[in-house]
Amino acid sequence: MSEIEVFLKKEIGTDLGSRQKIEKLFKNIDKTVSKVIMNFEGVEFMGRSFAQEYLNRKHIAPFEVIEKNMPEDIEKMFKIILELNNKL
């Protein structure tokens, strides 16, 4: 069982706004990894389109995805999107 930790600030930056950036990040993760820890330390902003794409990619990923050091406002954004998706 192998795992890696991805530091989003280092890989993408402090402003997570682009859907394409998270799409590319997930595509570049080695598919033989069983667990990916997404470290949100230092992230200051996350846009809704990024959050939606992140959750979509997490759902279909061939590995487990765990969040770490997630700021409260980003956690709230994920909850809002998940609630909206459950209403559809």
PDB file of N, CA and C in Angstrom:
ATOM      1  N   MET A   1       0.856  -1.186   0.000  1.00  0.00           N
ATOM      2  CA  MET A   1       0.000   0.000   0.000  1.00  0.00           C
ATOM      3  C   MET A   1       0.893   1.237   0.000  1.00  0.00           C
ATOM      4  N   SER A   2       0.844   1.987  -1.066  1.00  0.00           N
ATOM      5  CA  SER A   2       1.683   3.178  -1.146  1.00  0.00           C
ATOM      6  C   SER A   2       0.822   4.431  -1.071  1.00  0.00           C
ATOM      7  N   GLU A   3       1.399   5.449  -0.491  1.00  0.00           N
ATOM      8  CA  GLU A   3       0.684   6.717  -0.408  1.00  0.00           C
ATOM      9  C   GLU A   3       1.636   7.860  -0.697  1.00  0.00           C
ATOM     10  N   ILE A   4       1.055   8.949  -1.176  1.00  0.00           N
ATOM     11  CA  ILE A   4       1.826  10.160  -1.426  1.00  0.00           C
ATOM     12  C   ILE A   4       1.076  11.341  -0.816  1.00  0.00           C
ATOM     13  N   GLU A   5       1.812  12.399  -0.539  1.00  0.00           N
ATOM     14  CA  GLU A   5       1.199  13.628  -0.050  1.00  0.00           C
ATOM     15  C   GLU A   5       1.443  14.717  -1.082  1.00  0.00           C
ATOM     16  N   VAL A   6       0.370  15.375  -1.477  1.00  0.00           N
ATOM     17  CA  VAL A   6       0.435  16.449  -2.462  1.00  0.00           C
ATOM     18  C   VAL A   6       0.204  17.771  -1.739  1.00  0.00           C
ATOM     19  N   PHE A   7       1.181  18.660  -1.820  1.00  0.00           N
ATOM     20  CA  PHE A   7       1.064  19.987  -1.223  1.00  0.00           C
ATOM     21  C   PHE A   7       0.496  20.923  -2.292  1.00  0.00           C
ATOM     22  N   LEU A   8      -0.798  21.227  -2.165  1.00  0.00           N
ATOM     23  CA  LEU A   8      -1.483  22.008  -3.191  1.00  0.00           C
ATOM     24  C   LEU A   8      -0.863  23.384  -3.398  1.00  0.00           C
ATOM     25  N   LYS A   9      -0.380  24.002  -2.324  1.00  0.00           N
ATOM     26  CA  LYS A   9       0.263  25.317  -2.452  1.00  0.00           C
ATOM     27  C   LYS A   9       1.478  25.217  -3.374  1.00  0.00           C
ATOM     28  N   LYS A  10       2.244  24.158  -3.234  1.00  0.00           N
ATOM     29  CA  LYS A  10       3.446  23.972  -4.053  1.00  0.00           C
ATOM     30  C   LYS A  10       3.084  23.597  -5.495  1.00  0.00           C
ATOM     31  N   GLU A  11       2.106  22.718  -5.659  1.00  0.00           N
ATOM     32  CA  GLU A  11       1.757  22.214  -6.992  1.00  0.00           C
ATOM     33  C   GLU A  11       0.922  23.193  -7.812  1.00  0.00           C
ATOM     34  N   ILE A  12       0.037  23.950  -7.131  1.00  0.00           N
ATOM     35  CA  ILE A  12      -0.886  24.831  -7.845  1.00  0.00           C
ATOM     36  C   ILE A  12      -0.739  26.288  -7.417  1.00  0.00           C
ATOM     37  N   GLY A  13      -0.576  26.523  -6.118  1.00  0.00           N
ATOM     38  CA  GLY A  13      -0.467  27.884  -5.598  1.00  0.00           C
ATOM     39  C   GLY A  13      -1.444  28.112  -4.462  1.00  0.00           C
ATOM     40  N   THR A  14      -1.487  29.338  -3.971  1.00  0.00           N
ATOM     41  CA  THR A  14      -2.371  29.659  -2.846  1.00  0.00           C
ATOM     42  C   THR A  14      -3.795  29.953  -3.300  1.00  0.00           C
ATOM     43  N   ASP A  15      -3.978  30.197  -4.589  1.00  0.00           N
ATOM     44  CA  ASP A  15      -5.284  30.525  -5.161  1.00  0.00           C
ATOM     45  C   ASP A  15      -5.733  29.380  -6.063  1.00  0.00           C
ATOM     46  N   LEU A  16      -6.651  28.563  -5.555  1.00  0.00           N
ATOM     47  CA  LEU A  16      -7.139  27.408  -6.308  1.00  0.00           C
ATOM     48  C   LEU A  16      -8.388  27.826  -7.069  1.00  0.00           C
ATOM     49  N   GLY A  17      -8.186  28.332  -8.265  1.00  0.00           N
ATOM     50  CA  GLY A  17      -9.314  28.871  -9.008  1.00  0.00           C
ATOM     51  C   GLY A  17      -9.612  28.165 -10.312  1.00  0.00           C
ATOM     52  N   SER A  18      -8.651  27.449 -10.859  1.00  0.00           N
ATOM     53  CA  SER A  18      -8.808  26.877 -12.194  1.00  0.00           C
ATOM     54  C   SER A  18      -9.161  25.397 -12.156  1.00  0.00           C
ATOM     55  N   ARG A  19     -10.273  25.080 -12.775  1.00  0.00           N
ATOM     56  CA  ARG A  19     -10.721  23.690 -12.911  1.00  0.00           C
ATOM     57  C   ARG A  19      -9.666  22.842 -13.636  1.00  0.00           C
ATOM     58  N   GLN A  20      -9.011  23.431 -14.623  1.00  0.00           N
ATOM     59  CA  GLN A  20      -8.024  22.698 -15.413  1.00  0.00           C
ATOM     60  C   GLN A  20      -6.812  22.282 -14.578  1.00  0.00           C
ATOM     61  N   LYS A  21      -6.460  23.085 -13.585  1.00  0.00           N
ATOM     62  CA  LYS A  21      -5.282  22.763 -12.771  1.00  0.00           C
ATOM     63  C   LYS A  21      -5.503  21.516 -11.933  1.00  0.00           C
ATOM     64  N   ILE A  22      -6.685  21.356 -11.343  1.00  0.00           N
ATOM     65  CA  ILE A  22      -6.929  20.168 -10.527  1.00  0.00           C
ATOM     66  C   ILE A  22      -7.115  18.948 -11.426  1.00  0.00           C
ATOM     67  N   GLU A  23      -7.696  19.166 -12.594  1.00  0.00           N
ATOM     68  CA  GLU A  23      -7.849  18.077 -13.563  1.00  0.00           C
ATOM     69  C   GLU A  23      -6.472  17.532 -13.950  1.00  0.00           C
ATOM     70  N   LYS A  24      -5.556  18.421 -14.268  1.00  0.00           N
ATOM     71  CA  LYS A  24      -4.198  18.027 -14.650  1.00  0.00           C
ATOM     72  C   LYS A  24      -3.476  17.343 -13.492  1.00  0.00           C
ATOM     73  N   LEU A  25      -3.634  17.872 -12.282  1.00  0.00           N
ATOM     74  CA  LEU A  25      -2.986  17.286 -11.111  1.00  0.00           C
ATOM     75  C   LEU A  25      -3.438  15.842 -10.900  1.00  0.00           C
ATOM     76  N   PHE A  26      -4.745  15.603 -10.943  1.00  0.00           N
ATOM     77  CA  PHE A  26      -5.248  14.241 -10.754  1.00  0.00           C
ATOM     78  C   PHE A  26      -4.761  13.313 -11.867  1.00  0.00           C
ATOM     79  N   LYS A  27      -4.720  13.803 -13.102  1.00  0.00           N
ATOM     80  CA  LYS A  27      -4.253  12.976 -14.225  1.00  0.00           C
ATOM     81  C   LYS A  27      -2.785  12.586 -14.077  1.00  0.00           C
ATOM     82  N   ASN A  28      -1.992  13.439 -13.426  1.00  0.00           N
ATOM     83  CA  ASN A  28      -0.557  13.178 -13.292  1.00  0.00           C
ATOM     84  C   ASN A  28      -0.186  12.321 -12.086  1.00  0.00           C
ATOM     85  N   ILE A  29      -1.156  11.980 -11.245  1.00  0.00           N
ATOM     86  CA  ILE A  29      -0.864  11.132 -10.086  1.00  0.00           C
ATOM     87  C   ILE A  29      -0.746   9.687 -10.549  1.00  0.00           C
ATOM     88  N   ASP A  30       0.298   9.035 -10.112  1.00  0.00           N
ATOM     89  CA  ASP A  30       0.566   7.640 -10.462  1.00  0.00           C
ATOM     90  C   ASP A  30      -0.616   6.766 -10.045  1.00  0.00           C
ATOM     91  N   LYS A  31      -1.163   6.017 -10.981  1.00  0.00           N
ATOM     92  CA  LYS A  31      -2.354   5.197 -10.719  1.00  0.00           C
ATOM     93  C   LYS A  31      -2.066   3.979  -9.853  1.00  0.00           C
ATOM     94  N   THR A  32      -0.792   3.690  -9.589  1.00  0.00           N
ATOM     95  CA  THR A  32      -0.470   2.553  -8.717  1.00  0.00           C
ATOM     96  C   THR A  32      -0.500   2.947  -7.244  1.00  0.00           C
ATOM     97  N   VAL A  33      -0.624   4.240  -6.970  1.00  0.00           N
ATOM     98  CA  VAL A  33      -0.711   4.731  -5.594  1.00  0.00           C
ATOM     99  C   VAL A  33      -2.082   4.350  -5.044  1.00  0.00           C
ATOM    100  N   SER A  34      -2.127   3.927  -3.783  1.00  0.00           N
ATOM    101  CA  SER A  34      -3.411   3.543  -3.195  1.00  0.00           C
ATOM    102  C   SER A  34      -4.050   4.670  -2.388  1.00  0.00           C
ATOM    103  N   LYS A  35      -3.241   5.638  -1.961  1.00  0.00           N
ATOM    104  CA  LYS A  35      -3.766   6.719  -1.123  1.00  0.00           C
ATOM    105  C   LYS A  35      -3.031   8.017  -1.439  1.00  0.00           C
ATOM    106  N   VAL A  36      -3.809   9.101  -1.595  1.00  0.00           N
ATOM    107  CA  VAL A  36      -3.243  10.425  -1.844  1.00  0.00           C
ATOM    108  C   VAL A  36      -3.750  11.364  -0.757  1.00  0.00           C
ATOM    109  N   ILE A  37      -2.825  12.011  -0.081  1.00  0.00           N
ATOM    110  CA  ILE A  37      -3.168  13.001   0.936  1.00  0.00           C
ATOM    111  C   ILE A  37      -3.016  14.376   0.296  1.00  0.00           C
ATOM    112  N   MET A  38      -4.123  15.094   0.185  1.00  0.00           N
ATOM    113  CA  MET A  38      -4.114  16.445  -0.374  1.00  0.00           C
ATOM    114  C   MET A  38      -3.941  17.424   0.780  1.00  0.00           C
ATOM    115  N   ASN A  39      -2.785  18.061   0.832  1.00  0.00           N
ATOM    116  CA  ASN A  39      -2.464  18.980   1.918  1.00  0.00           C
ATOM    117  C   ASN A  39      -2.801  20.410   1.484  1.00  0.00           C
ATOM    118  N   PHE A  40      -3.758  21.020   2.174  1.00  0.00           N
ATOM    119  CA  PHE A  40      -4.237  22.359   1.850  1.00  0.00           C
ATOM    120  C   PHE A  40      -3.498  23.456   2.612  1.00  0.00           C
ATOM    121  N   GLU A  41      -2.435  23.119   3.323  1.00  0.00           N
ATOM    122  CA  GLU A  41      -1.697  24.114   4.105  1.00  0.00           C
ATOM    123  C   GLU A  41      -1.232  25.262   3.208  1.00  0.00           C
ATOM    124  N   GLY A  42      -1.516  26.490   3.627  1.00  0.00           N
ATOM    125  CA  GLY A  42      -1.093  27.669   2.881  1.00  0.00           C
ATOM    126  C   GLY A  42      -2.038  28.101   1.780  1.00  0.00           C
ATOM    127  N   VAL A  43      -3.081  27.317   1.510  1.00  0.00           N
ATOM    128  CA  VAL A  43      -4.055  27.688   0.483  1.00  0.00           C
ATOM    129  C   VAL A  43      -4.961  28.781   1.045  1.00  0.00           C
ATOM    130  N   GLU A  44      -5.126  29.854   0.288  1.00  0.00           N
ATOM    131  CA  GLU A  44      -5.897  31.007   0.760  1.00  0.00           C
ATOM    132  C   GLU A  44      -7.273  31.129   0.127  1.00  0.00           C
ATOM    133  N   PHE A  45      -7.438  30.580  -1.081  1.00  0.00           N
ATOM    134  CA  PHE A  45      -8.712  30.720  -1.793  1.00  0.00           C
ATOM    135  C   PHE A  45      -8.952  29.496  -2.657  1.00  0.00           C
ATOM    136  N   MET A  46     -10.233  29.115  -2.765  1.00  0.00           N
ATOM    137  CA  MET A  46     -10.623  28.052  -3.683  1.00  0.00           C
ATOM    138  C   MET A  46     -11.930  28.463  -4.347  1.00  0.00           C
ATOM    139  N   GLY A  47     -11.926  28.508  -5.668  1.00  0.00           N
ATOM    140  CA  GLY A  47     -13.130  28.858  -6.419  1.00  0.00           C
ATOM    141  C   GLY A  47     -14.096  27.690  -6.498  1.00  0.00           C
ATOM    142  N   ARG A  48     -15.342  28.020  -6.803  1.00  0.00           N
ATOM    143  CA  ARG A  48     -16.376  26.983  -6.864  1.00  0.00           C
ATOM    144  C   ARG A  48     -16.111  25.968  -7.981  1.00  0.00           C
ATOM    145  N   SER A  49     -15.677  26.418  -9.135  1.00  0.00           N
ATOM    146  CA  SER A  49     -15.425  25.482 -10.236  1.00  0.00           C
ATOM    147  C   SER A  49     -14.288  24.526  -9.887  1.00  0.00           C
ATOM    148  N   PHE A  50     -13.260  25.034  -9.208  1.00  0.00           N
ATOM    149  CA  PHE A  50     -12.160  24.181  -8.757  1.00  0.00           C
ATOM    150  C   PHE A  50     -12.696  23.146  -7.777  1.00  0.00           C
ATOM    151  N   ALA A  51     -13.506  23.605  -6.818  1.00  0.00           N
ATOM    152  CA  ALA A  51     -14.051  22.705  -5.798  1.00  0.00           C
ATOM    153  C   ALA A  51     -14.916  21.617  -6.426  1.00  0.00           C
ATOM    154  N   GLN A  52     -15.755  21.985  -7.383  1.00  0.00           N
ATOM    155  CA  GLN A  52     -16.598  20.997  -8.051  1.00  0.00           C
ATOM    156  C   GLN A  52     -15.760  19.966  -8.795  1.00  0.00           C
ATOM    157  N   GLU A  53     -14.766  20.429  -9.522  1.00  0.00           N
ATOM    158  CA  GLU A  53     -13.908  19.508 -10.272  1.00  0.00           C
ATOM    159  C   GLU A  53     -13.104  18.625  -9.329  1.00  0.00           C
ATOM    160  N   TYR A  54     -12.623  19.181  -8.228  1.00  0.00           N
ATOM    161  CA  TYR A  54     -11.883  18.401  -7.226  1.00  0.00           C
ATOM    162  C   TYR A  54     -12.755  17.255  -6.718  1.00  0.00           C
ATOM    163  N   LEU A  55     -13.994  17.575  -6.338  1.00  0.00           N
ATOM    164  CA  LEU A  55     -14.885  16.539  -5.808  1.00  0.00           C
ATOM    165  C   LEU A  55     -15.231  15.499  -6.869  1.00  0.00           C
ATOM    166  N   ASN A  56     -15.419  15.928  -8.118  1.00  0.00           N
ATOM    167  CA  ASN A  56     -15.671  14.978  -9.209  1.00  0.00           C
ATOM    168  C   ASN A  56     -14.487  14.039  -9.398  1.00  0.00           C
ATOM    169  N   ARG A  57     -13.286  14.611  -9.440  1.00  0.00           N
ATOM    170  CA  ARG A  57     -12.073  13.805  -9.629  1.00  0.00           C
ATOM    171  C   ARG A  57     -11.844  12.864  -8.449  1.00  0.00           C
ATOM    172  N   LYS A  58     -12.104  13.351  -7.256  1.00  0.00           N
ATOM    173  CA  LYS A  58     -11.949  12.518  -6.055  1.00  0.00           C
ATOM    174  C   LYS A  58     -12.887  11.321  -6.130  1.00  0.00           C
ATOM    175  N   HIS A  59     -14.108  11.555  -6.583  1.00  0.00           N
ATOM    176  CA  HIS A  59     -15.117  10.499  -6.655  1.00  0.00           C
ATOM    177  C   HIS A  59     -14.730   9.382  -7.630  1.00  0.00           C
ATOM    178  N   ILE A  60     -14.099   9.732  -8.740  1.00  0.00           N
ATOM    179  CA  ILE A  60     -13.764   8.724  -9.755  1.00  0.00           C
ATOM    180  C   ILE A  60     -12.313   8.242  -9.690  1.00  0.00           C
ATOM    181  N   ALA A  61     -11.537   8.785  -8.775  1.00  0.00           N
ATOM    182  CA  ALA A  61     -10.112   8.422  -8.678  1.00  0.00           C
ATOM    183  C   ALA A  61      -9.947   6.939  -8.331  1.00  0.00           C
ATOM    184  N   PRO A  62      -8.937   6.296  -8.905  1.00  0.00           N
ATOM    185  CA  PRO A  62      -8.672   4.887  -8.600  1.00  0.00           C
ATOM    186  C   PRO A  62      -7.895   4.703  -7.296  1.00  0.00           C
ATOM    187  N   PHE A  63      -7.806   5.755  -6.510  1.00  0.00           N
ATOM    188  CA  PHE A  63      -7.093   5.725  -5.232  1.00  0.00           C
ATOM    189  C   PHE A  63      -7.913   6.510  -4.210  1.00  0.00           C
ATOM    190  N   GLU A  64      -7.642   6.268  -2.943  1.00  0.00           N
ATOM    191  CA  GLU A  64      -8.305   6.995  -1.864  1.00  0.00           C
ATOM    192  C   GLU A  64      -7.707   8.400  -1.775  1.00  0.00           C
ATOM    193  N   VAL A  65      -8.558   9.395  -1.573  1.00  0.00           N
ATOM    194  CA  VAL A  65      -8.098  10.778  -1.439  1.00  0.00           C
ATOM    195  C   VAL A  65      -8.526  11.296  -0.067  1.00  0.00           C
ATOM    196  N   ILE A  66      -7.549  11.789   0.691  1.00  0.00           N
ATOM    197  CA  ILE A  66      -7.772  12.319   2.037  1.00  0.00           C
ATOM    198  C   ILE A  66      -7.310  13.777   2.055  1.00  0.00           C
ATOM    199  N   GLU A  67      -8.084  14.635   2.704  1.00  0.00           N
ATOM    200  CA  GLU A  67      -7.694  16.039   2.834  1.00  0.00           C
ATOM    201  C   GLU A  67      -7.013  16.276   4.182  1.00  0.00           C
ATOM    202  N   LYS A  68      -6.059  17.194   4.178  1.00  0.00           N
ATOM    203  CA  LYS A  68      -5.291  17.525   5.381  1.00  0.00           C
ATOM    204  C   LYS A  68      -5.111  19.042   5.428  1.00  0.00           C
ATOM    205  N   ASN A  69      -5.148  19.613   6.639  1.00  0.00           N
ATOM    206  CA  ASN A  69      -4.918  21.055   6.843  1.00  0.00           C
ATOM    207  C   ASN A  69      -5.851  21.926   6.007  1.00  0.00           C
ATOM    208  N   MET A  70      -7.115  21.529   5.932  1.00  0.00           N
ATOM    209  CA  MET A  70      -8.073  22.268   5.123  1.00  0.00           C
ATOM    210  C   MET A  70      -8.606  23.482   5.894  1.00  0.00           C
ATOM    211  N   PRO A  71      -8.456  24.687   5.329  1.00  0.00           N
ATOM    212  CA  PRO A  71      -9.014  25.875   5.972  1.00  0.00           C
ATOM    213  C   PRO A  71     -10.543  25.766   6.086  1.00  0.00           C
ATOM    214  N   GLU A  72     -11.084  26.413   7.092  1.00  0.00           N
ATOM    215  CA  GLU A  72     -12.517  26.327   7.377  1.00  0.00           C
ATOM    216  C   GLU A  72     -13.380  26.791   6.201  1.00  0.00           C
ATOM    217  N   ASP A  73     -12.978  27.869   5.525  1.00  0.00           N
ATOM    218  CA  ASP A  73     -13.788  28.372   4.410  1.00  0.00           C
ATOM    219  C   ASP A  73     -13.805  27.401   3.229  1.00  0.00           C
ATOM    220  N   ILE A  74     -12.723  26.683   3.025  1.00  0.00           N
ATOM    221  CA  ILE A  74     -12.669  25.688   1.953  1.00  0.00           C
ATOM    222  C   ILE A  74     -13.524  24.478   2.324  1.00  0.00           C
ATOM    223  N   GLU A  75     -13.468  24.088   3.569  1.00  0.00           N
ATOM    224  CA  GLU A  75     -14.315  22.992   4.045  1.00  0.00           C
ATOM    225  C   GLU A  75     -15.798  23.343   3.846  1.00  0.00           C
ATOM    226  N   LYS A  76     -16.166  24.587   4.129  1.00  0.00           N
ATOM    227  CA  LYS A  76     -17.549  25.037   3.938  1.00  0.00           C
ATOM    228  C   LYS A  76     -17.945  24.981   2.464  1.00  0.00           C
ATOM    229  N   MET A  77     -17.030  25.369   1.577  1.00  0.00           N
ATOM    230  CA  MET A  77     -17.305  25.329   0.140  1.00  0.00           C
ATOM    231  C   MET A  77     -17.604  23.901  -0.305  1.00  0.00           C
ATOM    232  N   PHE A  78     -16.805  22.945   0.143  1.00  0.00           N
ATOM    233  CA  PHE A  78     -17.043  21.544  -0.198  1.00  0.00           C
ATOM    234  C   PHE A  78     -18.408  21.083   0.308  1.00  0.00           C
ATOM    235  N   LYS A  79     -18.760  21.455   1.526  1.00  0.00           N
ATOM    236  CA  LYS A  79     -20.054  21.055   2.099  1.00  0.00           C
ATOM    237  C   LYS A  79     -21.214  21.620   1.292  1.00  0.00           C
ATOM    238  N   ILE A  80     -21.111  22.874   0.877  1.00  0.00           N
ATOM    239  CA  ILE A  80     -22.171  23.499   0.080  1.00  0.00           C
ATOM    240  C   ILE A  80     -22.347  22.759  -1.238  1.00  0.00           C
ATOM    241  N   ILE A  81     -21.260  22.460  -1.909  1.00  0.00           N
ATOM    242  CA  ILE A  81     -21.330  21.767  -3.197  1.00  0.00           C
ATOM    243  C   ILE A  81     -21.909  20.372  -3.024  1.00  0.00           C
ATOM    244  N   LEU A  82     -21.486  19.655  -1.999  1.00  0.00           N
ATOM    245  CA  LEU A  82     -22.023  18.315  -1.756  1.00  0.00           C
ATOM    246  C   LEU A  82     -23.519  18.365  -1.454  1.00  0.00           C
ATOM    247  N   GLU A  83     -23.954  19.353  -0.689  1.00  0.00           N
ATOM    248  CA  GLU A  83     -25.383  19.505  -0.393  1.00  0.00           C
ATOM    249  C   GLU A  83     -26.176  19.807  -1.663  1.00  0.00           C
ATOM    250  N   LEU A  84     -25.656  20.680  -2.516  1.00  0.00           N
ATOM    251  CA  LEU A  84     -26.333  21.001  -3.772  1.00  0.00           C
ATOM    252  C   LEU A  84     -26.413  19.779  -4.685  1.00  0.00           C
ATOM    253  N   ASN A  85     -25.339  18.998  -4.739  1.00  0.00           N
ATOM    254  CA  ASN A  85     -25.329  17.791  -5.567  1.00  0.00           C
ATOM    255  C   ASN A  85     -26.339  16.765  -5.072  1.00  0.00           C
ATOM    256  N   ASN A  86     -26.527  16.687  -3.762  1.00  0.00           N
ATOM    257  CA  ASN A  86     -27.490  15.741  -3.199  1.00  0.00           C
ATOM    258  C   ASN A  86     -28.928  16.148  -3.494  1.00  0.00           C
ATOM    259  N   LYS A  87     -29.158  17.432  -3.752  1.00  0.00           N
ATOM    260  CA  LYS A  87     -30.504  17.918  -4.060  1.00  0.00           C
ATOM    261  C   LYS A  87     -30.875  17.690  -5.518  1.00  0.00           C
ATOM    262  N   LEU A  88     -29.887  17.463  -6.363  1.00  0.00           N
ATOM    263  CA  LEU A  88     -30.154  17.274  -7.802  1.00  0.00           C
ATOM    264  C   LEU A  88     -30.694  15.897  -8.097  1.00  0.00           C
TER     265      LEU A  88
END
